[in-house]
């Protein structure tokens, strides 16, 4: 028996696909008959293995979820401030003051410059006059910055003003069951600013204060310049403050 052909009607799925030959099959047990059919694209999609059909969909889904996951939460805490004064409230002497970096630090460091400038501006706002050598008072500025994992212990100091990098999130993305694209928190930067006002000739400090706050590495306040302004403003708010009292400034 010669070859026969079967014509498929046009369906609403689209145009007919190219003619192709199907596998031989027996015709009534008398012999082999070769038939040709028109194969619809949708039919090809249906007969593909499940994993081949799902892989493109999973890839697109993973890419969309990864974009969202990379947007880690940003956070900064209130500024915790503690102050001590050797003079009764309202009687802390004012006058010209020489703002210096505390001993043990590089006084010419560009990384410390924002903190020194912020303290000078804050002192001027509460009645002091920033001056050079020969001023009757000195204000010693000390800064520490630590980087740590969220909710964990500090990993160690970082270069003041040098910034910090967020943790590594890994480069591999799995496709399939168990895909975890939960946003991971950024590292936390703890910054502490301490200021001590003393007579230039030596002796006991007439006022001391310490400010501390935390910001995630992806927050603007993790930047030294913004951190310095925020802490100095909080430290000298309501100067000289109640001796020994710890407050939070938002």
C-alpha atoms as a PDB file:
ATOM      1  CA  UNK A   1       0.000   0.000   0.000  1.00  0.00           C
ATOM      2  CA  UNK A   2       1.406   3.386  -0.960  1.00  0.00           C
ATOM      3  CA  UNK A   3       1.974   6.283   1.399  1.00  0.00           C
ATOM      4  CA  UNK A   4      -1.065   8.204   2.518  1.00  0.00           C
ATOM      5  CA  UNK A   5      -1.273  11.667   4.019  1.00  0.00           C
ATOM      6  CA  UNK A   6      -3.497  13.197   6.628  1.00  0.00           C
ATOM      7  CA  UNK A   7      -4.319  16.896   6.495  1.00  0.00           C
ATOM      8  CA  UNK A   8      -4.893  18.693   9.797  1.00  0.00           C
ATOM      9  CA  UNK A   9      -7.250  21.624   9.896  1.00  0.00           C
ATOM     10  CA  UNK A  10      -5.892  25.047  10.820  1.00  0.00           C
ATOM     11  CA  UNK A  11      -6.344  25.635  14.556  1.00  0.00           C
ATOM     12  CA  UNK A  12      -6.608  28.913  16.408  1.00  0.00           C
ATOM     13  CA  UNK A  13      -3.247  28.284  18.053  1.00  0.00           C
ATOM     14  CA  UNK A  14      -1.421  29.551  14.992  1.00  0.00           C
ATOM     15  CA  UNK A  15      -0.116  28.504  11.625  1.00  0.00           C
ATOM     16  CA  UNK A  16       0.721  24.940  10.719  1.00  0.00           C
ATOM     17  CA  UNK A  17       4.193  23.757  11.509  1.00  0.00           C
ATOM     18  CA  UNK A  18       6.525  22.272   8.913  1.00  0.00           C
ATOM     19  CA  UNK A  19       5.651  18.829   7.587  1.00  0.00           C
ATOM     20  CA  UNK A  20       7.446  16.026   9.419  1.00  0.00           C
ATOM     21  CA  UNK A  21       7.535  12.268   9.221  1.00  0.00           C
ATOM     22  CA  UNK A  22       6.320  10.169  12.145  1.00  0.00           C
ATOM     23  CA  UNK A  23       7.521   6.732  13.167  1.00  0.00           C
ATOM     24  CA  UNK A  24       6.222   3.703  11.159  1.00  0.00           C
ATOM     25  CA  UNK A  25       3.280   1.789  12.529  1.00  0.00           C
ATOM     26  CA  UNK A  26       1.600  -1.399  11.451  1.00  0.00           C
ATOM     27  CA  UNK A  27      -1.572  -1.271   9.380  1.00  0.00           C
ATOM     28  CA  UNK A  28      -3.858  -4.139  10.282  1.00  0.00           C
ATOM     29  CA  UNK A  29      -0.860  -6.409  10.721  1.00  0.00           C
ATOM     30  CA  UNK A  30      -0.246  -6.609   6.934  1.00  0.00           C
ATOM     31  CA  UNK A  31       2.690  -4.303   6.652  1.00  0.00           C
ATOM     32  CA  UNK A  32       4.212  -0.919   7.513  1.00  0.00           C
ATOM     33  CA  UNK A  33       2.637   2.344   6.543  1.00  0.00           C
ATOM     34  CA  UNK A  34       4.409   5.692   6.644  1.00  0.00           C
ATOM     35  CA  UNK A  35       2.140   8.593   7.522  1.00  0.00           C
ATOM     36  CA  UNK A  36       2.931  12.310   7.525  1.00  0.00           C
ATOM     37  CA  UNK A  37       1.246  14.768   9.855  1.00  0.00           C
ATOM     38  CA  UNK A  38       1.367  18.450  10.607  1.00  0.00           C
ATOM     39  CA  UNK A  39       2.679  18.961  14.168  1.00  0.00           C
ATOM     40  CA  UNK A  40       1.424  21.973  16.100  1.00  0.00           C
ATOM     41  CA  UNK A  41       3.985  23.943  18.195  1.00  0.00           C
ATOM     42  CA  UNK A  42       1.750  23.603  21.254  1.00  0.00           C
ATOM     43  CA  UNK A  43       1.780  19.827  20.862  1.00  0.00           C
ATOM     44  CA  UNK A  44       5.597  19.838  20.837  1.00  0.00           C
ATOM     45  CA  UNK A  45       5.602  21.881  24.070  1.00  0.00           C
ATOM     46  CA  UNK A  46       3.259  19.384  25.711  1.00  0.00           C
ATOM     47  CA  UNK A  47       5.388  16.358  24.945  1.00  0.00           C
ATOM     48  CA  UNK A  48       8.654  17.873  26.157  1.00  0.00           C
ATOM     49  CA  UNK A  49       9.914  16.456  29.467  1.00  0.00           C
ATOM     50  CA  UNK A  50       8.639  18.345  32.526  1.00  0.00           C
ATOM     51  CA  UNK A  51      12.117  19.524  33.554  1.00  0.00           C
ATOM     52  CA  UNK A  52      12.779  21.005  30.109  1.00  0.00           C
ATOM     53  CA  UNK A  53       9.503  22.922  30.227  1.00  0.00           C
ATOM     54  CA  UNK A  54      10.070  24.276  33.754  1.00  0.00           C
ATOM     55  CA  UNK A  55      13.724  25.312  33.505  1.00  0.00           C
ATOM     56  CA  UNK A  56      13.103  28.583  31.558  1.00  0.00           C
ATOM     57  CA  UNK A  57      10.271  29.497  33.930  1.00  0.00           C
ATOM     58  CA  UNK A  58      12.395  28.846  37.019  1.00  0.00           C
ATOM     59  CA  UNK A  59      15.269  30.865  35.599  1.00  0.00           C
ATOM     60  CA  UNK A  60      13.042  33.891  35.014  1.00  0.00           C
ATOM     61  CA  UNK A  61      11.464  33.531  38.467  1.00  0.00           C
ATOM     62  CA  UNK A  62      14.840  33.260  40.195  1.00  0.00           C
ATOM     63  CA  UNK A  63      16.128  36.378  38.429  1.00  0.00           C
ATOM     64  CA  UNK A  64      13.115  38.407  39.542  1.00  0.00           C
ATOM     65  CA  UNK A  65      13.395  37.168  43.125  1.00  0.00           C
ATOM     66  CA  UNK A  66      17.143  37.793  43.237  1.00  0.00           C
ATOM     67  CA  UNK A  67      16.614  41.438  42.300  1.00  0.00           C
ATOM     68  CA  UNK A  68      14.284  41.832  45.281  1.00  0.00           C
ATOM     69  CA  UNK A  69      16.562  39.885  47.618  1.00  0.00           C
ATOM     70  CA  UNK A  70      19.508  42.160  46.932  1.00  0.00           C
ATOM     71  CA  UNK A  71      17.604  45.109  48.401  1.00  0.00           C
ATOM     72  CA  UNK A  72      18.759  44.547  51.990  1.00  0.00           C
ATOM     73  CA  UNK A  73      17.077  46.469  54.832  1.00  0.00           C
ATOM     74  CA  UNK A  74      18.648  49.780  55.894  1.00  0.00           C
ATOM     75  CA  UNK A  75      18.685  50.853  59.552  1.00  0.00           C
ATOM     76  CA  UNK A  76      20.184  53.378  61.987  1.00  0.00           C
ATOM     77  CA  UNK A  77      19.673  53.541  65.736  1.00  0.00           C
ATOM     78  CA  UNK A  78      19.099  56.494  68.063  1.00  0.00           C
ATOM     79  CA  UNK A  79      22.259  58.093  69.455  1.00  0.00           C
ATOM     80  CA  UNK A  80      23.037  56.997  73.005  1.00  0.00           C
ATOM     81  CA  UNK A  81      24.628  59.873  74.941  1.00  0.00           C
ATOM     82  CA  UNK A  82      26.291  59.906  78.381  1.00  0.00           C
ATOM     83  CA  UNK A  83      27.882  63.034  79.901  1.00  0.00           C
ATOM     84  CA  UNK A  84      29.829  63.885  83.055  1.00  0.00           C
ATOM     85  CA  UNK A  85      30.669  67.292  84.507  1.00  0.00           C
ATOM     86  CA  UNK A  86      32.884  68.337  87.404  1.00  0.00           C
ATOM     87  CA  UNK A  87      30.973  71.618  87.748  1.00  0.00           C
ATOM     88  CA  UNK A  88      27.318  72.170  88.668  1.00  0.00           C
ATOM     89  CA  UNK A  89      24.922  72.342  85.732  1.00  0.00           C
ATOM     90  CA  UNK A  90      25.031  75.729  84.078  1.00  0.00           C
ATOM     91  CA  UNK A  91      28.446  76.565  85.560  1.00  0.00           C
ATOM     92  CA  UNK A  92      30.722  74.786  83.118  1.00  0.00           C
ATOM     93  CA  UNK A  93      33.209  77.488  82.022  1.00  0.00           C
ATOM     94  CA  UNK A  94      33.284  78.584  78.403  1.00  0.00           C
ATOM     95  CA  UNK A  95      35.893  80.379  76.352  1.00  0.00           C
ATOM     96  CA  UNK A  96      38.364  79.802  73.538  1.00  0.00           C
ATOM     97  CA  UNK A  97      39.023  76.110  72.992  1.00  0.00           C
ATOM     98  CA  UNK A  98      41.554  74.236  70.897  1.00  0.00           C
ATOM     99  CA  UNK A  99      39.930  71.168  69.350  1.00  0.00           C
ATOM    100  CA  UNK A 100      42.463  68.354  69.028  1.00  0.00           C
ATOM    101  CA  UNK A 101      42.511  64.698  68.132  1.00  0.00           C
ATOM    102  CA  UNK A 102      43.142  62.599  71.255  1.00  0.00           C
ATOM    103  CA  UNK A 103      46.683  61.282  71.862  1.00  0.00           C
ATOM    104  CA  UNK A 104      47.425  57.992  70.135  1.00  0.00           C
ATOM    105  CA  UNK A 105      45.651  58.981  66.908  1.00  0.00           C
ATOM    106  CA  UNK A 106      47.008  60.674  63.810  1.00  0.00           C
ATOM    107  CA  UNK A 107      46.118  64.330  64.314  1.00  0.00           C
ATOM    108  CA  UNK A 108      46.508  65.030  60.600  1.00  0.00           C
ATOM    109  CA  UNK A 109      44.358  62.107  59.474  1.00  0.00           C
ATOM    110  CA  UNK A 110      41.854  63.026  56.783  1.00  0.00           C
ATOM    111  CA  UNK A 111      39.615  60.260  58.090  1.00  0.00           C
ATOM    112  CA  UNK A 112      39.274  62.016  61.458  1.00  0.00           C
ATOM    113  CA  UNK A 113      38.766  65.478  59.957  1.00  0.00           C
ATOM    114  CA  UNK A 114      34.924  65.224  59.768  1.00  0.00           C
ATOM    115  CA  UNK A 115      34.688  64.410  63.494  1.00  0.00           C
ATOM    116  CA  UNK A 116      36.998  67.229  64.515  1.00  0.00           C
ATOM    117  CA  UNK A 117      35.061  69.686  62.353  1.00  0.00           C
ATOM    118  CA  UNK A 118      31.693  68.517  63.697  1.00  0.00           C
ATOM    119  CA  UNK A 119      32.847  68.891  67.333  1.00  0.00           C
ATOM    120  CA  UNK A 120      34.227  72.383  66.638  1.00  0.00           C
ATOM    121  CA  UNK A 121      30.882  73.443  65.166  1.00  0.00           C
ATOM    122  CA  UNK A 122      28.927  71.957  68.068  1.00  0.00           C
ATOM    123  CA  UNK A 123      31.168  73.659  70.651  1.00  0.00           C
ATOM    124  CA  UNK A 124      30.692  77.014  68.929  1.00  0.00           C
ATOM    125  CA  UNK A 125      26.926  76.536  69.172  1.00  0.00           C
ATOM    126  CA  UNK A 126      27.070  76.183  72.993  1.00  0.00           C
ATOM    127  CA  UNK A 127      29.282  79.181  73.743  1.00  0.00           C
ATOM    128  CA  UNK A 128      32.869  78.135  73.023  1.00  0.00           C
ATOM    129  CA  UNK A 129      35.162  79.791  70.516  1.00  0.00           C
ATOM    130  CA  UNK A 130      37.274  77.348  68.497  1.00  0.00           C
ATOM    131  CA  UNK A 131      40.863  78.594  68.540  1.00  0.00           C
ATOM    132  CA  UNK A 132      44.400  77.439  67.950  1.00  0.00           C
ATOM    133  CA  UNK A 133      47.341  76.979  70.279  1.00  0.00           C
ATOM    134  CA  UNK A 134      47.252  79.239  73.325  1.00  0.00           C
ATOM    135  CA  UNK A 135      43.538  78.760  74.054  1.00  0.00           C
ATOM    136  CA  UNK A 136      42.777  78.239  77.768  1.00  0.00           C
ATOM    137  CA  UNK A 137      40.868  75.018  77.059  1.00  0.00           C
ATOM    138  CA  UNK A 138      41.414  71.972  74.899  1.00  0.00           C
ATOM    139  CA  UNK A 139      38.773  69.562  73.604  1.00  0.00           C
ATOM    140  CA  UNK A 140      40.157  66.090  72.901  1.00  0.00           C
ATOM    141  CA  UNK A 141      38.281  64.093  70.262  1.00  0.00           C
ATOM    142  CA  UNK A 142      38.446  60.299  70.156  1.00  0.00           C
ATOM    143  CA  UNK A 143      36.632  58.100  67.596  1.00  0.00           C
ATOM    144  CA  UNK A 144      36.174  54.352  67.320  1.00  0.00           C
ATOM    145  CA  UNK A 145      34.319  52.370  64.666  1.00  0.00           C
ATOM    146  CA  UNK A 146      33.540  48.660  64.733  1.00  0.00           C
ATOM    147  CA  UNK A 147      31.948  46.366  62.179  1.00  0.00           C
ATOM    148  CA  UNK A 148      29.861  43.360  63.129  1.00  0.00           C
ATOM    149  CA  UNK A 149      27.206  40.993  61.876  1.00  0.00           C
ATOM    150  CA  UNK A 150      23.579  41.887  62.701  1.00  0.00           C
ATOM    151  CA  UNK A 151      22.817  40.950  66.305  1.00  0.00           C
ATOM    152  CA  UNK A 152      26.285  39.446  66.738  1.00  0.00           C
ATOM    153  CA  UNK A 153      29.537  40.338  68.404  1.00  0.00           C
ATOM    154  CA  UNK A 154      31.862  42.926  66.951  1.00  0.00           C
ATOM    155  CA  UNK A 155      34.355  41.503  64.498  1.00  0.00           C
ATOM    156  CA  UNK A 156      36.922  44.247  65.087  1.00  0.00           C
ATOM    157  CA  UNK A 157      37.706  47.900  64.434  1.00  0.00           C
ATOM    158  CA  UNK A 158      37.623  49.423  60.992  1.00  0.00           C
ATOM    159  CA  UNK A 159      39.538  52.361  59.652  1.00  0.00           C
ATOM    160  CA  UNK A 160      37.873  55.537  60.830  1.00  0.00           C
ATOM    161  CA  UNK A 161      36.283  57.242  57.879  1.00  0.00           C
ATOM    162  CA  UNK A 162      37.377  54.477  55.560  1.00  0.00           C
ATOM    163  CA  UNK A 163      33.924  52.982  55.226  1.00  0.00           C
ATOM    164  CA  UNK A 164      33.080  49.314  55.325  1.00  0.00           C
ATOM    165  CA  UNK A 165      31.924  46.774  52.834  1.00  0.00           C
ATOM    166  CA  UNK A 166      28.852  44.668  53.220  1.00  0.00           C
ATOM    167  CA  UNK A 167      29.195  40.927  53.619  1.00  0.00           C
ATOM    168  CA  UNK A 168      29.463  38.575  50.700  1.00  0.00           C
ATOM    169  CA  UNK A 169      26.134  37.187  49.589  1.00  0.00           C
ATOM    170  CA  UNK A 170      27.525  34.421  47.385  1.00  0.00           C
ATOM    171  CA  UNK A 171      27.340  34.117  43.645  1.00  0.00           C
ATOM    172  CA  UNK A 172      25.441  30.849  43.172  1.00  0.00           C
ATOM    173  CA  UNK A 173      21.693  30.679  42.789  1.00  0.00           C
ATOM    174  CA  UNK A 174      20.032  27.272  42.951  1.00  0.00           C
ATOM    175  CA  UNK A 175      17.030  26.397  40.878  1.00  0.00           C
ATOM    176  CA  UNK A 176      14.521  24.027  42.372  1.00  0.00           C
ATOM    177  CA  UNK A 177      13.259  23.004  45.773  1.00  0.00           C
ATOM    178  CA  UNK A 178      14.801  24.815  48.710  1.00  0.00           C
ATOM    179  CA  UNK A 179      15.575  28.071  46.899  1.00  0.00           C
ATOM    180  CA  UNK A 180      16.191  30.661  49.637  1.00  0.00           C
ATOM    181  CA  UNK A 181      16.314  34.261  48.471  1.00  0.00           C
ATOM    182  CA  UNK A 182      15.464  35.902  51.800  1.00  0.00           C
ATOM    183  CA  UNK A 183      17.139  39.349  52.001  1.00  0.00           C
ATOM    184  CA  UNK A 184      20.252  39.190  54.158  1.00  0.00           C
ATOM    185  CA  UNK A 185      20.921  42.092  56.538  1.00  0.00           C
ATOM    186  CA  UNK A 186      23.942  44.271  55.867  1.00  0.00           C
ATOM    187  CA  UNK A 187      26.834  44.508  58.308  1.00  0.00           C
ATOM    188  CA  UNK A 188      26.370  46.916  61.206  1.00  0.00           C
ATOM    189  CA  UNK A 189      28.771  49.783  61.868  1.00  0.00           C
ATOM    190  CA  UNK A 190      29.075  50.887  65.501  1.00  0.00           C
ATOM    191  CA  UNK A 191      30.534  54.382  65.885  1.00  0.00           C
ATOM    192  CA  UNK A 192      31.606  55.974  69.179  1.00  0.00           C
ATOM    193  CA  UNK A 193      32.585  59.611  69.643  1.00  0.00           C
ATOM    194  CA  UNK A 194      34.140  60.791  72.903  1.00  0.00           C
ATOM    195  CA  UNK A 195      34.997  64.414  73.780  1.00  0.00           C
ATOM    196  CA  UNK A 196      36.833  65.660  76.850  1.00  0.00           C
ATOM    197  CA  UNK A 197      37.161  69.380  77.695  1.00  0.00           C
ATOM    198  CA  UNK A 198      40.142  70.190  79.909  1.00  0.00           C
ATOM    199  CA  UNK A 199      42.235  73.166  80.970  1.00  0.00           C
ATOM    200  CA  UNK A 200      45.084  73.618  78.488  1.00  0.00           C
ATOM    201  CA  UNK A 201      47.617  73.577  81.328  1.00  0.00           C
ATOM    202  CA  UNK A 202      46.488  70.133  82.497  1.00  0.00           C
ATOM    203  CA  UNK A 203      44.346  68.938  85.348  1.00  0.00           C
ATOM    204  CA  UNK A 204      40.943  67.347  85.754  1.00  0.00           C
ATOM    205  CA  UNK A 205      38.442  67.382  82.890  1.00  0.00           C
ATOM    206  CA  UNK A 206      35.698  69.926  83.384  1.00  0.00           C
ATOM    207  CA  UNK A 207      33.330  68.030  81.052  1.00  0.00           C
ATOM    208  CA  UNK A 208      33.305  64.685  79.276  1.00  0.00           C
ATOM    209  CA  UNK A 209      30.793  63.138  76.945  1.00  0.00           C
ATOM    210  CA  UNK A 210      30.386  60.006  74.849  1.00  0.00           C
ATOM    211  CA  UNK A 211      27.963  59.340  71.975  1.00  0.00           C
ATOM    212  CA  UNK A 212      27.335  55.998  70.264  1.00  0.00           C
ATOM    213  CA  UNK A 213      25.020  54.695  67.568  1.00  0.00           C
ATOM    214  CA  UNK A 214      24.697  51.888  65.029  1.00  0.00           C
ATOM    215  CA  UNK A 215      23.920  51.990  61.320  1.00  0.00           C
ATOM    216  CA  UNK A 216      23.877  49.289  58.682  1.00  0.00           C
ATOM    217  CA  UNK A 217      26.630  49.569  56.101  1.00  0.00           C
ATOM    218  CA  UNK A 218      24.073  50.365  53.380  1.00  0.00           C
ATOM    219  CA  UNK A 219      22.645  53.340  55.325  1.00  0.00           C
ATOM    220  CA  UNK A 220      23.690  56.951  54.706  1.00  0.00           C
ATOM    221  CA  UNK A 221      24.642  57.392  58.375  1.00  0.00           C
ATOM    222  CA  UNK A 222      27.359  54.758  57.992  1.00  0.00           C
ATOM    223  CA  UNK A 223      29.290  57.453  56.115  1.00  0.00           C
ATOM    224  CA  UNK A 224      31.781  59.258  58.411  1.00  0.00           C
ATOM    225  CA  UNK A 225      30.732  62.818  57.569  1.00  0.00           C
ATOM    226  CA  UNK A 226      27.033  62.221  58.289  1.00  0.00           C
ATOM    227  CA  UNK A 227      27.809  60.092  61.350  1.00  0.00           C
ATOM    228  CA  UNK A 228      30.074  62.818  62.770  1.00  0.00           C
ATOM    229  CA  UNK A 229      27.463  65.571  62.382  1.00  0.00           C
ATOM    230  CA  UNK A 230      24.723  63.434  63.917  1.00  0.00           C
ATOM    231  CA  UNK A 231      26.740  62.359  66.955  1.00  0.00           C
ATOM    232  CA  UNK A 232      28.241  65.795  67.679  1.00  0.00           C
ATOM    233  CA  UNK A 233      24.802  67.406  67.523  1.00  0.00           C
ATOM    234  CA  UNK A 234      23.379  64.794  69.903  1.00  0.00           C
ATOM    235  CA  UNK A 235      26.355  64.978  72.271  1.00  0.00           C
ATOM    236  CA  UNK A 236      26.083  68.732  72.810  1.00  0.00           C
ATOM    237  CA  UNK A 237      22.293  68.934  72.787  1.00  0.00           C
ATOM    238  CA  UNK A 238      21.208  70.597  76.044  1.00  0.00           C
ATOM    239  CA  UNK A 239      24.868  71.130  77.024  1.00  0.00           C
ATOM    240  CA  UNK A 240      26.227  70.378  79.576  1.00  0.00           C
ATOM    241  CA  UNK A 241      23.404  67.938  80.416  1.00  0.00           C
ATOM    242  CA  UNK A 242      22.818  66.057  83.651  1.00  0.00           C
ATOM    243  CA  UNK A 243      26.027  64.480  84.904  1.00  0.00           C
ATOM    244  CA  UNK A 244      25.982  60.708  84.772  1.00  0.00           C
ATOM    245  CA  UNK A 245      22.691  60.491  82.883  1.00  0.00           C
ATOM    246  CA  UNK A 246      22.358  58.422  79.709  1.00  0.00           C
ATOM    247  CA  UNK A 247      19.829  59.598  77.145  1.00  0.00           C
ATOM    248  CA  UNK A 248      18.784  58.641  73.643  1.00  0.00           C
ATOM    249  CA  UNK A 249      18.604  61.262  70.921  1.00  0.00           C
ATOM    250  CA  UNK A 250      16.653  60.402  67.779  1.00  0.00           C
END
